[in-house]
Protein backbone atom coordinates (compact mmCIF):
# COMPACT_ATOMS: atom_id res chain seq x y z
CA MET A 1 33.34 -27.41 -24.43
CA THR A 2 30.40 -28.78 -26.39
CA GLY A 3 26.89 -27.67 -27.29
CA PRO A 4 25.25 -25.01 -29.44
CA GLY A 5 27.63 -22.26 -28.33
CA LEU A 6 30.66 -24.06 -29.68
CA GLU A 7 28.86 -25.21 -32.82
CA GLN A 8 27.79 -21.65 -33.57
CA GLY A 9 31.27 -20.37 -32.68
CA VAL A 10 32.89 -22.46 -35.41
CA SER A 11 31.47 -20.36 -38.20
CA ALA A 12 32.27 -20.66 -41.88
CA GLY A 13 34.50 -17.63 -41.50
CA ALA A 14 36.65 -19.40 -38.92
CA VAL A 15 37.66 -22.05 -41.43
CA ALA A 16 40.19 -19.75 -43.12
CA PRO A 17 42.33 -19.00 -40.05
CA LEU A 18 42.00 -22.60 -38.87
CA ALA A 19 43.25 -23.78 -42.26
CA LEU A 20 46.10 -21.27 -42.00
CA VAL A 21 47.02 -22.67 -38.59
CA ALA A 22 47.10 -26.19 -40.01
CA VAL A 23 49.21 -25.17 -43.00
CA LEU A 24 51.67 -23.25 -40.85
CA VAL A 25 52.10 -26.08 -38.34
CA LEU A 26 52.58 -28.61 -41.14
CA VAL A 27 55.18 -26.51 -42.96
CA LEU A 28 57.04 -25.75 -39.72
CA LEU A 29 57.23 -29.40 -38.71
CA ALA A 30 58.18 -30.64 -42.17
CA SER A 31 60.87 -28.01 -42.71
CA ALA A 32 62.32 -28.49 -39.22
CA VAL A 33 62.64 -32.27 -39.60
CA LEU A 34 63.53 -32.51 -43.30
CA GLY A 35 65.59 -29.31 -43.40
CA PRO A 36 68.99 -30.90 -42.64
CA ARG A 37 68.54 -33.45 -45.44
CA VAL A 38 67.54 -30.70 -47.88
CA VAL A 39 70.51 -28.52 -46.89
CA ARG A 40 72.91 -31.42 -47.49
CA ALA A 41 71.32 -32.35 -50.81
CA ALA A 42 71.43 -28.73 -51.99
CA THR A 43 75.19 -28.40 -51.34
CA PRO A 44 76.33 -28.89 -55.00
CA ALA A 45 74.16 -25.95 -56.07
CA LEU A 46 74.79 -23.78 -53.02
CA VAL A 47 78.60 -23.89 -53.28
CA ARG A 48 78.37 -22.48 -56.80
CA ALA A 49 76.72 -19.32 -55.45
CA PRO A 50 77.94 -19.08 -51.84
CA ARG A 51 76.70 -15.54 -51.16
CA ALA A 52 73.23 -16.48 -52.33
CA ALA A 53 73.53 -19.63 -50.21
CA LEU A 54 74.28 -17.52 -47.13
CA GLY A 55 71.18 -15.44 -47.73
CA LEU A 56 69.06 -18.51 -48.36
CA LEU A 57 70.22 -20.37 -45.25
CA MET A 58 70.06 -17.39 -42.90
CA GLY A 59 66.73 -16.33 -44.37
CA GLY A 60 65.39 -19.82 -43.82
CA VAL A 61 66.35 -19.84 -40.15
CA ILE A 62 64.95 -16.36 -39.49
CA LEU A 63 61.71 -17.06 -41.37
CA TRP A 64 61.24 -20.37 -39.57
CA THR A 65 61.73 -18.71 -36.18
CA THR A 66 59.43 -15.77 -36.86
CA SER A 67 56.78 -18.10 -38.32
CA LEU A 68 56.85 -20.20 -35.15
CA LEU A 69 56.37 -17.04 -33.08
CA ALA A 70 53.44 -16.06 -35.31
CA LEU A 71 51.41 -19.11 -34.24
CA GLY A 72 50.17 -17.41 -31.07
CA PRO A 73 48.83 -14.26 -32.78
CA LEU A 74 47.26 -16.45 -35.47
CA LEU A 75 45.45 -18.62 -32.91
CA ALA A 76 44.19 -15.46 -31.20
CA TRP A 77 42.06 -14.81 -34.30
CA VAL A 78 40.27 -18.11 -33.76
CA ILE A 79 40.21 -18.82 -30.03
CA THR A 80 38.78 -16.62 -27.30
CA GLY A 81 37.90 -16.95 -23.67
CA PRO A 82 37.43 -15.02 -20.43
CA GLY A 83 39.56 -11.96 -19.88
CA ILE A 84 42.26 -12.18 -17.23
CA LEU A 85 43.30 -8.54 -17.40
CA PRO A 86 41.38 -5.61 -15.89
CA GLU A 87 38.25 -5.01 -17.95
CA PRO A 88 39.52 -1.91 -19.86
CA ALA A 89 42.75 -3.71 -20.82
CA THR A 90 40.81 -6.79 -21.88
CA ARG A 91 38.59 -4.69 -24.15
CA VAL A 92 41.63 -3.00 -25.74
CA CYS A 93 43.37 -6.36 -26.30
CA GLN A 94 40.29 -7.93 -27.85
CA ALA A 95 39.68 -4.86 -30.00
CA CYS A 96 43.23 -5.07 -31.39
CA VAL A 97 42.87 -8.78 -32.14
CA GLN A 98 39.55 -8.21 -33.95
CA ALA A 99 40.87 -5.19 -35.84
CA ALA A 100 43.84 -7.23 -37.06
CA ASN A 101 41.76 -10.22 -38.15
CA PRO A 102 41.44 -10.05 -41.96
CA PHE A 103 39.06 -13.03 -42.09
CA LEU A 104 36.21 -11.54 -40.05
CA ALA A 105 35.81 -14.98 -38.55
CA GLY A 106 33.59 -16.00 -35.70
CA GLN A 107 35.72 -17.17 -32.81
CA ILE A 108 35.69 -20.43 -30.90
CA ASP A 109 35.13 -19.97 -27.19
CA ALA A 110 37.74 -22.37 -25.87
CA GLY A 111 38.18 -20.63 -22.54
CA VAL A 112 41.65 -19.29 -23.46
CA PRO A 113 42.07 -15.51 -23.32
CA ALA A 114 43.69 -13.93 -26.39
CA VAL A 115 46.42 -12.43 -24.23
CA LEU A 116 47.58 -15.93 -23.19
CA LEU A 117 48.02 -16.83 -26.85
CA ILE A 118 49.89 -13.70 -27.86
CA ALA A 119 52.01 -13.14 -24.75
CA PRO A 120 54.17 -16.31 -25.07
CA SER A 121 55.13 -15.38 -28.65
CA VAL A 122 56.04 -11.84 -27.64
CA LEU A 123 57.95 -13.06 -24.57
CA ALA A 124 59.80 -15.80 -26.47
CA GLY A 125 60.73 -13.40 -29.26
CA GLY A 126 62.00 -10.84 -26.78
CA LEU A 127 64.03 -13.42 -24.87
CA LEU A 128 65.57 -14.74 -28.10
CA VAL A 129 66.57 -11.25 -29.25
CA ALA A 130 68.05 -10.54 -25.81
CA ALA A 131 69.97 -13.84 -25.87
CA VAL A 132 71.42 -13.12 -29.33
CA ALA A 133 72.42 -9.62 -28.20
CA ARG A 134 74.08 -11.07 -25.08
CA ASP A 135 76.00 -13.62 -27.17
CA TRP A 136 77.04 -10.84 -29.56
CA ARG A 137 78.55 -8.83 -26.70
CA ARG A 138 80.33 -11.90 -25.35
CA ARG A 139 81.81 -12.73 -28.76
CA ASP A 140 82.83 -9.11 -29.25
CA ARG A 141 84.78 -9.23 -26.00
CA ALA A 142 86.37 -12.54 -27.02
CA SER A 143 87.35 -11.12 -30.41
CA ARG A 144 88.88 -8.06 -28.79
CA ALA A 145 90.86 -10.25 -26.39
CA ALA A 146 92.05 -12.50 -29.24
CA ALA A 147 93.11 -9.43 -31.21
CA ARG A 148 95.20 -8.18 -28.29
CA THR A 149 96.90 -11.59 -28.08
CA VAL A 150 97.49 -12.16 -31.79
CA LEU A 151 98.39 -8.59 -32.77
CA ALA A 152 100.72 -7.93 -29.84
CA GLY A 153 103.98 -6.51 -31.20
CA GLY A 154 102.57 -6.20 -34.71
CA SER A 155 102.97 -3.21 -36.99
CA ARG A 156 100.44 -1.79 -39.43
CA GLN A 157 101.68 -1.91 -43.00
CA ARG A 158 100.44 -1.61 -46.57
CA VAL A 159 100.84 -4.96 -48.35
CA LEU A 160 99.82 -5.28 -52.01
CA GLY A 161 97.28 -2.49 -51.59
CA TYR A 162 95.74 -3.83 -48.35
CA ASP A 163 96.06 -2.37 -44.86
CA VAL A 164 97.27 -5.22 -42.63
CA VAL A 165 98.90 -5.80 -39.27
CA VAL A 166 102.13 -7.74 -39.70
CA VAL A 167 102.80 -9.93 -36.65
CA PRO A 168 106.32 -11.14 -35.76
CA ASP A 169 105.58 -14.87 -35.81
CA GLU A 170 107.25 -17.56 -37.89
CA ARG A 171 104.11 -19.67 -38.01
CA PRO A 172 101.94 -19.19 -41.12
CA LEU A 173 99.16 -16.89 -39.94
CA ALA A 174 96.49 -15.21 -42.05
CA LEU A 175 93.26 -14.15 -40.41
CA THR A 176 90.71 -11.39 -40.10
CA PHE A 177 89.27 -9.62 -37.09
CA PRO A 178 86.37 -7.22 -37.33
CA ALA A 179 87.72 -3.87 -38.56
CA ARG A 180 87.24 -2.26 -35.13
CA HIS A 181 89.51 -4.93 -33.59
CA GLY A 182 92.35 -4.72 -36.08
CA GLY A 183 91.22 -6.12 -39.42
CA ILE A 184 93.54 -8.33 -41.46
CA ALA A 185 96.56 -9.89 -39.76
CA LEU A 186 99.52 -11.64 -41.40
CA SER A 187 102.58 -13.17 -39.80
CA THR A 188 106.11 -12.69 -41.01
CA GLY A 189 106.10 -16.44 -41.61
CA THR A 190 103.24 -16.06 -44.10
CA LEU A 191 105.02 -13.23 -45.91
CA ARG A 192 108.08 -15.47 -46.35
CA LEU A 193 106.06 -18.56 -47.28
CA LEU A 194 103.86 -17.14 -50.05
CA GLY A 195 104.73 -15.55 -53.35
CA PRO A 196 103.14 -12.27 -54.47
CA GLU A 197 100.24 -13.88 -56.36
CA GLU A 198 99.47 -16.30 -53.55
CA LEU A 199 99.72 -13.54 -50.96
CA HIS A 200 97.35 -11.40 -53.03
CA ALA A 201 94.84 -14.28 -53.10
CA VAL A 202 95.00 -14.66 -49.31
CA LEU A 203 94.57 -10.93 -48.77
CA ALA A 204 91.59 -10.87 -51.15
CA HIS A 205 90.08 -13.77 -49.21
CA GLU A 206 90.51 -12.00 -45.88
CA ALA A 207 89.23 -8.69 -47.24
CA ALA A 208 86.09 -10.49 -48.48
CA HIS A 209 85.39 -11.72 -44.95
CA ARG A 210 85.42 -8.15 -43.69
CA ARG A 211 83.64 -6.57 -46.66
CA GLN A 212 80.80 -9.11 -46.65
CA HIS A 213 80.29 -8.86 -42.85
CA HIS A 214 80.98 -12.54 -42.27
CA HIS A 215 81.76 -12.02 -38.58
CA ALA A 216 78.24 -10.72 -38.00
CA LEU A 217 76.63 -13.55 -39.97
CA GLU A 218 78.62 -16.19 -38.10
CA ALA A 219 77.78 -14.60 -34.76
CA VAL A 220 74.02 -14.54 -35.40
CA ALA A 221 73.94 -18.08 -36.86
CA SER A 222 75.99 -19.49 -33.99
CA SER A 223 73.79 -17.82 -31.39
CA LEU A 224 70.55 -19.01 -33.00
CA GLY A 225 72.01 -22.50 -33.31
CA ARG A 226 72.88 -22.47 -29.63
CA HIS A 227 69.46 -21.36 -28.40
CA LEU A 228 67.38 -23.27 -30.98
CA ARG A 229 69.52 -26.41 -31.15
CA TRP A 230 66.36 -28.49 -30.60
CA VAL A 231 65.28 -27.52 -34.14
CA PRO A 232 67.14 -29.78 -36.61
CA LEU A 233 66.97 -27.19 -39.42
CA VAL A 234 68.51 -24.44 -37.28
CA ALA A 235 71.23 -26.76 -35.97
CA ALA A 236 72.09 -27.88 -39.51
CA VAL A 237 72.34 -24.32 -40.83
CA ALA A 238 74.45 -23.18 -37.88
CA SER A 239 76.81 -26.09 -38.52
CA ALA A 240 77.03 -25.53 -42.29
CA LEU A 241 77.31 -21.74 -42.32
CA PRO A 242 81.04 -21.38 -41.38
CA GLY A 243 81.96 -23.51 -44.39
CA TYR A 244 79.89 -21.33 -46.71
CA LEU A 245 81.52 -18.21 -45.25
CA GLU A 246 84.92 -19.58 -46.22
CA ILE A 247 83.68 -20.64 -49.67
CA ALA A 248 82.19 -17.17 -50.22
CA ALA A 249 85.54 -15.57 -49.34
CA ASP A 250 87.29 -18.08 -51.62
CA ASP A 251 84.92 -17.17 -54.44
CA ALA A 252 85.66 -13.45 -54.05
CA ALA A 253 89.43 -14.11 -53.99
CA ARG A 254 89.23 -16.43 -57.00
CA ARG A 255 87.47 -13.75 -59.03
CA ARG A 256 90.19 -11.22 -58.20
CA THR A 257 93.35 -13.33 -58.41
CA GLY A 258 92.47 -16.56 -60.22
CA THR A 259 92.00 -20.13 -59.08
CA VAL A 260 95.64 -21.25 -59.35
CA ALA A 261 97.01 -18.62 -56.96
CA LEU A 262 94.28 -19.24 -54.39
CA VAL A 263 94.59 -23.03 -54.50
CA SER A 264 98.36 -22.79 -54.13
CA ALA A 265 98.02 -20.46 -51.14
CA LEU A 266 95.44 -22.66 -49.43
CA ALA A 267 97.53 -25.77 -50.03
CA GLN A 268 100.57 -24.15 -48.42
CA LEU A 269 98.70 -22.66 -45.49
CA GLY A 270 96.60 -25.78 -44.95
CA GLU A 271 95.51 -26.02 -41.34
CA ARG A 272 98.63 -24.22 -40.13
CA ALA A 273 96.97 -20.82 -39.64
CA ALA A 274 97.45 -21.06 -35.86
CA PRO A 275 93.81 -21.67 -34.84
CA GLY A 276 95.07 -22.52 -31.35
CA LEU A 277 95.58 -18.81 -30.74
CA LEU A 278 91.84 -18.24 -30.78
CA THR A 279 89.91 -18.06 -27.54
CA GLU A 280 86.45 -18.17 -29.12
CA PRO A 281 85.27 -19.99 -32.27
CA GLY A 282 84.23 -17.33 -34.76
CA ALA A 283 86.23 -14.60 -33.00
CA VAL A 284 88.28 -14.41 -36.20
CA LEU A 285 88.00 -15.95 -39.64
CA HIS A 286 91.10 -17.46 -41.16
CA ALA A 287 92.24 -18.63 -44.59
CA ALA A 288 92.90 -22.29 -43.94
CA GLY A 289 91.39 -25.60 -44.84
CA PRO A 290 92.52 -27.75 -47.78
CA GLU A 291 89.10 -29.45 -47.84
CA ARG A 292 87.82 -26.38 -49.72
CA ILE A 293 90.25 -26.85 -52.56
CA LYS A 294 88.01 -29.41 -54.26
CA HIS A 295 85.28 -26.78 -54.66
CA LEU A 296 87.78 -24.59 -56.51
CA VAL A 297 89.46 -27.27 -58.64
CA GLN A 298 86.41 -29.41 -59.41
CA PRO A 299 83.29 -27.26 -58.93
CA ALA A 300 79.92 -28.97 -59.19
CA ARG A 301 78.22 -28.52 -62.55
CA GLY A 302 74.87 -29.09 -64.16
CA TRP A 303 71.62 -29.39 -62.24
CA ALA A 304 73.04 -31.14 -59.17
CA GLY A 305 71.38 -29.79 -56.03
CA MET A 306 68.91 -27.56 -57.87
CA VAL A 307 65.79 -29.55 -56.94
CA PRO A 308 66.46 -29.29 -53.16
CA VAL A 309 67.19 -25.57 -53.60
CA ALA A 310 63.87 -25.12 -55.40
CA GLY A 311 62.12 -27.00 -52.59
CA PHE A 312 63.81 -24.83 -49.97
CA LEU A 313 62.75 -21.69 -51.83
CA LEU A 314 59.19 -22.99 -52.01
CA VAL A 315 59.13 -23.48 -48.23
CA LEU A 316 60.56 -20.00 -47.66
CA THR A 317 57.92 -18.54 -49.95
CA ALA A 318 55.16 -20.33 -48.03
CA LEU A 319 56.53 -19.21 -44.66
CA SER A 320 57.01 -15.61 -45.76
CA THR A 321 53.51 -15.48 -47.27
CA VAL A 322 51.85 -16.89 -44.17
CA GLY A 323 54.02 -14.73 -41.90
CA ALA A 324 53.12 -11.59 -43.82
CA SER A 325 49.42 -12.47 -43.74
CA ILE A 326 49.67 -12.58 -39.93
CA GLY A 327 52.17 -9.86 -39.13
CA VAL A 328 51.01 -7.13 -41.49
CA PRO A 329 47.40 -6.99 -40.21
CA TYR A 330 48.60 -6.77 -36.60
CA ALA A 331 51.10 -4.04 -37.49
CA VAL A 332 48.45 -2.05 -39.36
CA ALA A 333 46.00 -2.43 -36.47
CA VAL A 334 48.54 -1.23 -33.91
CA LEU A 335 49.68 1.70 -36.07
CA HIS A 336 46.07 2.82 -36.45
CA GLY A 337 45.41 2.50 -32.73
CA CYS A 338 43.31 -0.66 -33.14
């Protein structure tokens, strides 16, 4: 559309939301494409504070997703067009959009109704939440089935101050189900293999998984990675998160029992914690993996990885600021009845 109507529609007040659109699109694209490289470069710093790393990575994915969904409501402040709803509904929709707009900008008549800009964001957000909930239920069923298989014939005992299920199996087995599915499980083979200090380290590791809700974090990250795998940042975080969950549990165990006991336990368990028993990745979390030992024996020091972490935090700050500037006005408008 051209002519005086469009020229008058692009008022000085419309520059602010248009600039916000440009900034948001630029930050979303840059963080999506460069995110995997930043996550890899930040590893030396992130492994030193694994719980903070989990919050940073999960926060980044959630903020990126919600910021993408905010594009539609943001564009509705700038673009308008003919109503496609019944006239009363169109008036209510337009009144809510105008009441939420903090810029008091003149709109551009681009022939696109506000409802067509907002509806896709609402629909996509609802579908994503429904998909994550569906995946959660599926994983919960898989975890329950794995628990029935692994814990069959086991007996609940108190071992070094921890409630565990001891399973009659000569293979080294140390893993954790969600508490409602059985909690910590050890095999008789593990009890014979490890000394008291090493066993205490393994139990502290497994208890950290349960206490820090790692099953829930892994479930959400895996589901988002599955449904948003076309976003490089989300795919990278979903791939990296299981490692940070194990490092976070290692860190908690190291603080309780010392590095030597934990390293010795991990070295003896290695990859022999019977992962073949699992029917669903993430259904349980298990203390295995000698590749983590280097983070315990030779932790990264100095400023390595701090610059990428600072850059990641800067992006999160920008996304949260822009997201709040969009979401809060809409929420206030709706709560006040537009």
